[in-house]
Protein backbone atom coordinates (compact mmCIF):
# COMPACT_ATOMS: atom_id res chain seq x y z
CA UNK A 1 -3.74 14.56 -30.29
CA UNK A 2 -2.45 14.57 -26.39
CA UNK A 3 -2.78 18.11 -25.07
CA UNK A 4 -0.29 19.54 -22.82
CA UNK A 5 -0.93 20.85 -19.23
CA UNK A 6 -0.27 24.40 -18.12
CA UNK A 7 -1.83 24.59 -14.86
CA UNK A 8 -0.04 25.34 -11.75
CA UNK A 9 1.72 22.03 -10.70
CA UNK A 10 0.03 22.03 -7.27
CA UNK A 11 -3.65 22.09 -8.58
CA UNK A 12 -2.97 19.09 -10.96
CA UNK A 13 -4.06 16.20 -8.88
CA UNK A 14 -7.26 18.45 -7.45
CA UNK A 15 -8.23 18.95 -11.29
CA UNK A 16 -7.30 15.89 -12.96
CA UNK A 17 -6.78 13.22 -10.10
CA UNK A 18 -3.80 10.83 -9.50
CA UNK A 19 -1.91 10.22 -12.94
CA UNK A 20 -2.51 7.09 -14.72
CA UNK A 21 1.26 6.75 -15.52
CA UNK A 22 4.02 8.73 -14.03
CA UNK A 23 8.17 9.36 -13.83
CA UNK A 24 9.08 11.41 -11.41
CA UNK A 25 13.01 12.26 -10.23
CA UNK A 26 14.89 15.54 -9.36
CA UNK A 27 15.71 16.28 -12.99
CA UNK A 28 12.12 15.90 -14.46
CA UNK A 29 8.35 14.98 -13.95
CA UNK A 30 6.39 13.25 -16.99
CA UNK A 31 2.53 12.61 -15.72
CA UNK A 32 -0.54 11.34 -17.89
CA UNK A 33 -3.85 11.88 -16.92
CA UNK A 34 -7.04 10.48 -18.27
CA UNK A 35 -7.72 7.44 -20.13
CA UNK A 36 -5.05 6.19 -21.83
CA UNK A 37 -4.90 4.56 -25.37
CA UNK A 38 -2.54 1.91 -26.30
CA UNK A 39 -0.42 1.81 -29.14
CA UNK A 40 -0.09 -1.61 -30.70
CA UNK A 41 2.72 -2.35 -33.16
CA UNK A 42 1.93 -4.83 -35.62
CA UNK A 43 3.50 -8.03 -35.23
CA UNK A 44 7.04 -8.23 -36.59
CA UNK A 45 6.84 -4.33 -36.96
CA UNK A 46 9.99 -2.11 -36.20
CA UNK A 47 9.16 -0.24 -32.71
CA UNK A 48 10.54 2.93 -33.61
CA UNK A 49 8.92 2.95 -36.69
CA UNK A 50 5.26 2.42 -35.21
CA UNK A 51 6.14 5.13 -32.57
CA UNK A 52 7.06 7.37 -35.63
CA UNK A 53 3.53 6.50 -37.39
CA UNK A 54 1.78 7.73 -34.26
CA UNK A 55 3.59 11.05 -33.80
CA UNK A 56 2.92 11.95 -37.28
CA UNK A 57 -0.74 12.74 -36.13
CA UNK A 58 0.26 14.21 -32.84
CA UNK A 59 1.73 17.59 -31.52
CA UNK A 60 5.75 16.96 -31.30
CA UNK A 61 5.43 17.92 -27.47
CA UNK A 62 3.23 14.65 -27.32
CA UNK A 63 4.51 11.92 -25.27
CA UNK A 64 4.08 8.11 -25.56
CA UNK A 65 5.16 6.03 -22.56
CA UNK A 66 5.41 2.33 -21.68
CA UNK A 67 7.63 -0.65 -21.07
CA UNK A 68 9.56 -3.07 -23.01
CA UNK A 69 9.64 -6.67 -21.30
CA UNK A 70 12.73 -8.53 -20.26
CA UNK A 71 12.21 -10.90 -23.50
CA UNK A 72 12.82 -8.70 -26.38
CA UNK A 73 10.13 -11.01 -28.63
CA UNK A 74 7.27 -10.33 -26.31
CA UNK A 75 5.07 -7.70 -27.07
CA UNK A 76 5.70 -4.34 -25.53
CA UNK A 77 3.12 -2.02 -23.53
CA UNK A 78 3.22 1.62 -24.79
CA UNK A 79 0.11 4.57 -24.05
CA UNK A 80 -0.68 7.70 -25.17
CA UNK A 81 -2.66 9.84 -22.98
CA UNK A 82 -5.11 12.90 -23.81
CA UNK A 83 -3.31 14.79 -21.07
CA UNK A 84 0.29 15.08 -20.42
CA UNK A 85 2.33 17.27 -17.46
CA UNK A 86 5.79 17.97 -18.24
CA UNK A 87 8.34 19.34 -16.18
CA UNK A 88 12.01 19.73 -15.68
CA UNK A 89 11.79 19.26 -11.98
CA UNK A 90 9.91 17.30 -9.18
CA UNK A 91 6.27 18.20 -9.02
CA UNK A 92 6.61 18.83 -5.59
CA UNK A 93 9.63 18.59 -3.50
CA UNK A 94 9.42 15.37 -1.24
CA UNK A 95 8.94 15.99 2.17
CA UNK A 96 11.46 15.84 4.93
CA UNK A 97 10.11 12.33 5.89
CA UNK A 98 7.91 10.23 3.63
CA UNK A 99 4.32 9.28 5.08
CA UNK A 100 4.56 5.66 6.27
CA UNK A 101 2.27 2.98 4.56
CA UNK A 102 -0.65 1.93 6.09
CA UNK A 103 -0.53 -0.99 8.27
CA UNK A 104 -1.33 -4.29 6.66
CA UNK A 105 -0.87 -8.05 7.13
CA UNK A 106 1.30 -9.58 4.64
CA UNK A 107 1.41 -13.13 3.25
CA UNK A 108 4.91 -13.72 1.75
CA UNK A 109 5.90 -16.36 -0.62
CA UNK A 110 9.34 -15.98 -2.15
CA UNK A 111 9.99 -17.66 -5.09
CA UNK A 112 12.51 -19.37 -5.58
CA UNK A 113 13.24 -19.64 -1.91
CA UNK A 114 16.98 -18.57 -0.47
CA UNK A 115 18.58 -22.23 -0.97
CA UNK A 116 17.13 -22.68 -4.36
CA UNK A 117 18.33 -19.51 -5.57
CA UNK A 118 21.85 -20.06 -4.04
CA UNK A 119 21.63 -23.36 -6.05
CA UNK A 120 20.77 -21.58 -8.97
CA UNK A 121 23.96 -19.69 -8.87
CA UNK A 122 25.92 -22.37 -7.94
CA UNK A 123 24.81 -23.90 -11.27
CA UNK A 124 25.67 -20.68 -13.37
CA UNK A 125 29.10 -20.85 -11.71
CA UNK A 126 29.63 -24.38 -12.73
CA UNK A 127 28.72 -23.88 -16.30
CA UNK A 128 30.99 -20.87 -16.47
CA UNK A 129 33.81 -22.68 -15.10
CA UNK A 130 33.31 -25.74 -17.45
CA UNK A 131 33.35 -23.78 -20.79
CA UNK A 132 36.97 -22.91 -21.57
CA UNK A 133 36.59 -21.85 -25.41
CA UNK A 134 33.90 -19.54 -25.40
CA UNK A 135 32.90 -19.12 -21.57
CA UNK A 136 29.86 -17.34 -20.32
CA UNK A 137 31.31 -13.99 -18.56
CA UNK A 138 28.29 -13.10 -16.49
CA UNK A 139 24.83 -13.82 -16.27
CA UNK A 140 21.99 -12.03 -13.99
CA UNK A 141 19.96 -14.11 -12.20
CA UNK A 142 16.65 -12.82 -10.42
CA UNK A 143 14.72 -14.07 -7.69
CA UNK A 144 10.77 -12.73 -6.87
CA UNK A 145 8.66 -12.27 -3.54
CA UNK A 146 5.01 -12.79 -3.97
CA UNK A 147 3.25 -10.33 -1.01
CA UNK A 148 -0.47 -10.36 -0.64
CA UNK A 149 -2.68 -8.62 1.61
CA UNK A 150 -6.39 -8.10 2.29
CA UNK A 151 -6.97 -4.39 0.45
CA UNK A 152 -6.31 -3.14 -3.02
CA UNK A 153 -2.43 -1.61 -2.56
CA UNK A 154 -2.79 1.98 -2.87
CA UNK A 155 -0.84 2.88 -6.10
CA UNK A 156 -0.70 6.85 -5.91
CA UNK A 157 1.16 6.43 -2.16
CA UNK A 158 3.14 3.98 -3.04
CA UNK A 159 4.54 6.19 -6.14
CA UNK A 160 4.62 9.04 -3.54
CA UNK A 161 6.69 7.07 -0.77
CA UNK A 162 9.14 5.64 -3.70
CA UNK A 163 9.75 9.45 -4.80
CA UNK A 164 11.11 10.49 -1.83
CA UNK A 165 14.56 8.62 -2.64
CA UNK A 166 16.29 11.79 -4.43
CA UNK A 167 18.52 9.12 -6.38
CA UNK A 168 16.12 7.08 -8.07
CA UNK A 169 13.27 7.70 -10.44
CA UNK A 170 9.87 6.65 -9.47
CA UNK A 171 7.61 5.22 -12.18
CA UNK A 172 4.04 4.04 -12.12
CA UNK A 173 2.83 2.46 -15.59
CA UNK A 174 -0.40 0.57 -16.29
CA UNK A 175 -0.07 -2.84 -17.71
CA UNK A 176 -2.40 -4.79 -19.90
CA UNK A 177 -5.19 -6.71 -17.65
CA UNK A 178 -6.44 -9.62 -19.73
CA UNK A 179 -8.05 -11.04 -16.53
CA UNK A 180 -9.82 -7.98 -15.57
CA UNK A 181 -7.81 -6.89 -12.65
CA UNK A 182 -5.49 -3.86 -13.24
CA UNK A 183 -2.01 -4.22 -13.02
CA UNK A 184 0.64 -1.64 -12.99
CA UNK A 185 4.27 -1.43 -12.95
CA UNK A 186 5.69 0.54 -10.20
CA UNK A 187 9.26 0.98 -8.83
CA UNK A 188 12.02 3.20 -8.00
CA UNK A 189 14.92 2.84 -10.55
CA UNK A 190 18.54 4.38 -10.07
CA UNK A 191 19.45 3.34 -13.83
CA UNK A 192 19.40 4.92 -16.68
CA UNK A 193 19.14 3.27 -19.81
CA UNK A 194 19.33 6.23 -22.13
CA UNK A 195 18.23 9.66 -22.28
CA UNK A 196 18.39 11.60 -25.63
CA UNK A 197 18.02 15.32 -25.81
CA UNK A 198 18.36 16.78 -29.82
CA UNK A 199 21.62 14.85 -30.76
CA UNK A 200 23.08 14.18 -27.26
CA UNK A 201 22.32 11.10 -25.26
CA UNK A 202 23.06 9.90 -21.71
CA UNK A 203 23.50 6.38 -20.41
CA UNK A 204 24.23 5.59 -16.81
CA UNK A 205 24.81 1.91 -16.15
CA UNK A 206 24.92 0.46 -12.68
CA UNK A 207 26.65 -2.81 -11.81
CA UNK A 208 28.22 -3.92 -8.45
CA UNK A 209 26.38 -3.59 -5.66
CA UNK A 210 26.77 -3.40 -1.49
CA UNK A 211 23.75 -2.87 1.06
CA UNK A 212 23.85 0.08 2.75
CA UNK A 213 24.13 0.67 6.67
CA UNK A 214 22.81 2.84 8.86
CA UNK A 215 25.50 3.24 10.97
CA UNK A 216 27.78 5.77 9.29
CA UNK A 217 31.10 3.80 10.04
CA UNK A 218 29.92 1.08 8.47
CA UNK A 219 27.93 2.62 5.45
CA UNK A 220 31.28 3.98 4.74
CA UNK A 221 33.13 0.73 5.03
CA UNK A 222 30.54 -1.08 2.92
CA UNK A 223 31.12 1.63 0.19
CA UNK A 224 34.90 1.74 0.33
CA UNK A 225 34.81 -2.22 0.07
CA UNK A 226 32.83 -2.16 -2.98
CA UNK A 227 34.97 0.36 -4.62
CA UNK A 228 37.79 -1.91 -3.76
CA UNK A 229 36.17 -5.37 -4.99
CA UNK A 230 37.97 -6.79 -7.92
CA UNK A 231 34.84 -8.88 -8.57
CA UNK A 232 32.33 -5.87 -8.73
CA UNK A 233 34.85 -3.64 -10.71
CA UNK A 234 34.87 -6.88 -13.30
CA UNK A 235 31.25 -7.27 -13.50
CA UNK A 236 30.53 -3.26 -13.89
CA UNK A 237 33.35 -3.20 -16.85
CA UNK A 238 31.14 -5.81 -18.76
CA UNK A 239 28.28 -3.84 -18.55
CA UNK A 240 30.12 -0.66 -20.00
CA UNK A 241 32.05 -2.12 -22.74
CA UNK A 242 28.96 -3.53 -23.90
CA UNK A 243 27.32 -0.15 -23.82
CA UNK A 244 30.22 1.79 -25.54
CA UNK A 245 30.43 -1.25 -28.03
CA UNK A 246 26.57 -0.80 -29.01
CA UNK A 247 26.62 2.80 -29.11
CA UNK A 248 29.95 3.52 -31.18
CA UNK A 249 28.40 2.92 -34.42
CA UNK A 250 25.98 5.59 -33.96
CA UNK A 251 27.92 8.28 -32.45
CA UNK A 252 30.43 10.71 -33.78
CA UNK A 253 31.90 10.57 -30.02
CA UNK A 254 31.34 8.92 -26.84
CA UNK A 255 33.40 9.58 -23.70
CA UNK A 256 33.20 8.60 -20.28
CA UNK A 257 35.25 9.28 -17.04
CA UNK A 258 38.34 6.93 -15.98
CA UNK A 259 37.07 4.33 -13.82
CA UNK A 260 33.65 3.67 -12.23
CA UNK A 261 32.17 6.12 -9.48
CA UNK A 262 30.09 5.02 -6.35
CA UNK A 263 26.23 5.81 -6.65
CA UNK A 264 24.10 5.74 -3.40
CA UNK A 265 20.40 5.29 -3.17
CA UNK A 266 18.64 5.19 0.17
CA UNK A 267 19.38 1.60 0.31
CA UNK A 268 22.22 0.36 -2.10
CA UNK A 269 25.73 1.51 -3.01
CA UNK A 270 26.24 1.05 -6.57
CA UNK A 271 29.41 1.40 -8.83
CA UNK A 272 28.26 3.52 -12.09
CA UNK A 273 29.49 4.97 -15.02
CA UNK A 274 28.04 8.07 -17.06
CA UNK A 275 28.62 7.81 -20.49
CA UNK A 276 28.09 10.40 -22.96
CA UNK A 277 27.87 10.80 -26.83
CA UNK A 278 26.94 12.79 -30.02
CA UNK A 279 24.92 11.12 -32.02
CA UNK A 280 25.88 10.90 -36.12
CA UNK A 281 21.65 11.29 -36.76
CA UNK A 282 20.07 13.45 -34.03
CA UNK A 283 16.93 12.49 -35.38
CA UNK A 284 17.71 8.82 -34.12
CA UNK A 285 14.65 8.61 -31.64
CA UNK A 286 15.50 7.44 -27.85
CA UNK A 287 13.17 4.29 -28.37
CA UNK A 288 15.49 2.64 -30.89
CA UNK A 289 18.76 3.23 -29.09
CA UNK A 290 16.98 2.03 -25.83
CA UNK A 291 15.85 -1.17 -27.72
CA UNK A 292 19.23 -1.65 -29.27
CA UNK A 293 21.03 -1.59 -25.68
CA UNK A 294 18.37 -3.44 -24.10
CA UNK A 295 18.62 -5.98 -22.40
CA UNK A 296 22.30 -4.85 -21.39
CA UNK A 297 24.69 -7.32 -19.34
CA UNK A 298 23.49 -4.77 -15.88
CA UNK A 299 20.05 -7.36 -16.28
CA UNK A 300 20.93 -10.38 -18.69
CA UNK A 301 24.73 -11.48 -19.06
CA UNK A 302 27.35 -11.69 -21.64
CA UNK A 303 27.13 -13.18 -24.53
CA UNK A 304 23.52 -11.84 -24.08
CA UNK A 305 21.82 -14.90 -26.17
CA UNK A 306 23.43 -17.62 -23.94
CA UNK A 307 22.79 -15.60 -20.75
CA UNK A 308 19.24 -15.32 -21.70
CA UNK A 309 18.81 -19.04 -22.40
CA UNK A 310 20.47 -19.75 -19.22
CA UNK A 311 18.07 -17.39 -17.12
CA UNK A 312 15.13 -19.15 -18.85
CA UNK A 313 16.62 -22.34 -17.56
CA UNK A 314 17.24 -21.34 -13.74
CA UNK A 315 14.80 -18.88 -13.17
CA UNK A 316 11.02 -20.46 -11.98
CA UNK A 317 9.05 -17.60 -13.15
CA UNK A 318 8.81 -15.49 -16.86
CA UNK A 319 10.14 -12.14 -16.05
CA UNK A 320 7.60 -10.16 -17.84
CA UNK A 321 8.36 -6.56 -17.70
CA UNK A 322 11.15 -7.00 -14.76
CA UNK A 323 14.33 -6.33 -15.97
CA UNK A 324 13.01 -4.49 -19.00
CA UNK A 325 13.10 -0.96 -19.81
CA UNK A 326 10.46 1.79 -18.70
CA UNK A 327 10.22 5.29 -20.21
CA UNK A 328 8.95 7.85 -22.45
CA UNK A 329 9.18 9.32 -25.97
CA UNK A 330 8.18 12.57 -27.62
CA UNK A 331 7.49 13.19 -31.51
CA UNK A 332 10.97 14.91 -31.75
CA UNK A 333 12.39 11.46 -30.91
CA UNK A 334 13.82 12.82 -27.22
CA UNK A 335 13.02 10.94 -24.20
CA UNK A 336 14.22 8.75 -21.29
CA UNK A 337 14.49 5.13 -20.68
CA UNK A 338 15.42 3.35 -17.79
CA UNK A 339 16.30 -0.10 -16.59
CA UNK A 340 13.29 -1.69 -14.81
CA UNK A 341 14.70 -2.65 -11.44
CA UNK A 342 13.66 -2.16 -7.64
CA UNK A 343 10.06 -2.49 -8.78
CA UNK A 344 7.06 -4.96 -8.47
CA UNK A 345 4.03 -5.69 -10.49
CA UNK A 346 0.64 -5.50 -8.61
CA UNK A 347 -2.40 -6.48 -9.27
CA UNK A 348 -5.12 -5.57 -6.70
CA UNK A 349 -4.18 -7.04 -3.54
CA UNK A 350 -1.12 -8.84 -4.86
CA UNK A 351 2.30 -7.45 -5.50
CA UNK A 352 5.38 -9.58 -6.83
CA UNK A 353 8.59 -7.84 -5.93
CA UNK A 354 11.99 -8.68 -8.06
CA UNK A 355 15.57 -8.72 -7.35
CA UNK A 356 18.72 -9.90 -9.34
CA UNK A 357 22.09 -10.04 -8.97
CA UNK A 358 24.97 -10.23 -11.37
CA UNK A 359 26.89 -13.66 -11.23
CA UNK A 360 30.50 -13.62 -12.52
CA UNK A 361 33.92 -15.84 -11.94
CA UNK A 362 34.13 -15.24 -8.02
CA UNK A 363 30.85 -14.71 -7.05
CA UNK A 364 29.50 -16.26 -3.65
CA UNK A 365 26.27 -17.99 -3.78
CA UNK A 366 24.94 -16.68 -0.58
CA UNK A 367 26.56 -13.32 -1.06
CA UNK A 368 24.13 -12.87 -3.98
CA UNK A 369 21.32 -14.00 -1.65
CA UNK A 370 22.00 -11.23 0.62
CA UNK A 371 22.22 -9.03 -2.31
CA UNK A 372 19.10 -9.42 -3.43
CA UNK A 373 17.73 -9.45 0.05
CA UNK A 374 18.90 -6.07 0.17
CA UNK A 375 17.41 -5.02 -3.11
CA UNK A 376 13.88 -5.81 -1.97
CA UNK A 377 14.35 -3.40 0.63
CA UNK A 378 13.25 -0.44 -0.97
CA UNK A 379 9.79 -1.35 -2.38
CA UNK A 380 9.74 -3.56 1.05
CA UNK A 381 9.68 -0.39 2.94
CA UNK A 382 7.34 1.48 0.92
CA UNK A 383 4.77 -1.43 0.92
CA UNK A 384 5.36 -1.46 4.67
CA UNK A 385 6.48 -5.14 4.69
CA UNK A 386 8.84 -5.57 7.51
CA UNK A 387 12.50 -6.95 6.68
CA UNK A 388 12.54 -11.06 6.27
CA UNK A 389 15.53 -12.62 7.91
CA UNK A 390 17.18 -15.49 5.47
CA UNK A 391 19.76 -17.55 7.58
CA UNK A 392 22.51 -19.50 5.58
CA UNK A 393 23.13 -23.05 6.14
CA UNK A 394 24.65 -23.65 9.00
CA UNK A 395 24.61 -20.23 10.92
CA UNK A 396 23.64 -20.10 14.30
CA UNK A 397 20.13 -19.03 15.46
């Protein structure tokens, strides 16, 4: 049985050490301490059913946390812990200025590099234009950055720095380590896939993005341009339509505001829509609904099967848990699941960062290079990696 921690929040780290798994946002904190025990569904078993079976022997306030990979046919990573702290707020308000990361020498390897990524976008656009009968409406192509240093990466410090942005949910999730080196998924996602409380659900998809600027005037101009962009509004509408269509059979009511709203993080502007619903069956578990939605067109594309196949052809690596969903659920079926973006997989001295961009008709290949470079920014800053300049072909030095 999992034990709920009732100690004063300030004494948690001193008493139990750093959390093994964590979700931190302005709205809530979930932290797991002590040895984590895997929840391993049988091959082909229903994920929600496997989780429910575990909860039959646990307190309903217990928590199972984990990550689902991008590939829905791959194994999920789920854990429960002997000690869990839950709070309806951030455990400690972030300081006015985050502690800087320690100074490191980083060796960087883009995978793929910018020109190869731009060519993959060109290929996707050509395929969209060539199929007039049942066209691919959207595909999300990602690239990664492998960063190596000489000392093991400080996961607790990294999580603390990522938590400084009030617009994100910072997370730390251990991953299976078949080769012996401990692995973890760490990130600061701004995108809520699904939250369930009793019979009410909330999804907050983001699609359509622009880099923020340090200059206030330039930053306001970037936000205004994103808000007016027909390409970005089309990209966003595809995601919202998919989520509404997927949730509708399970809801008595679904509602959303007219049009997308601007959403900001410390480094990016996004178009976002808050979708709320009232479930027909209030006992439907959050993890079951999250699994239905995943992967949304915000990280895959539409039609989903064709987009996923094209991603496998054009990306030079297995996404693993990037662009999956990471979150938690309790014995009552409530929980929160987030889209696994703005993240890195970390093993010892190595971090593999990921960033993606939605490709639709009208996308500019080198514009998508710029967008993915901007999306690396939050993780690079938290790790202490200096920005990397990527020049377009023909650009002057």
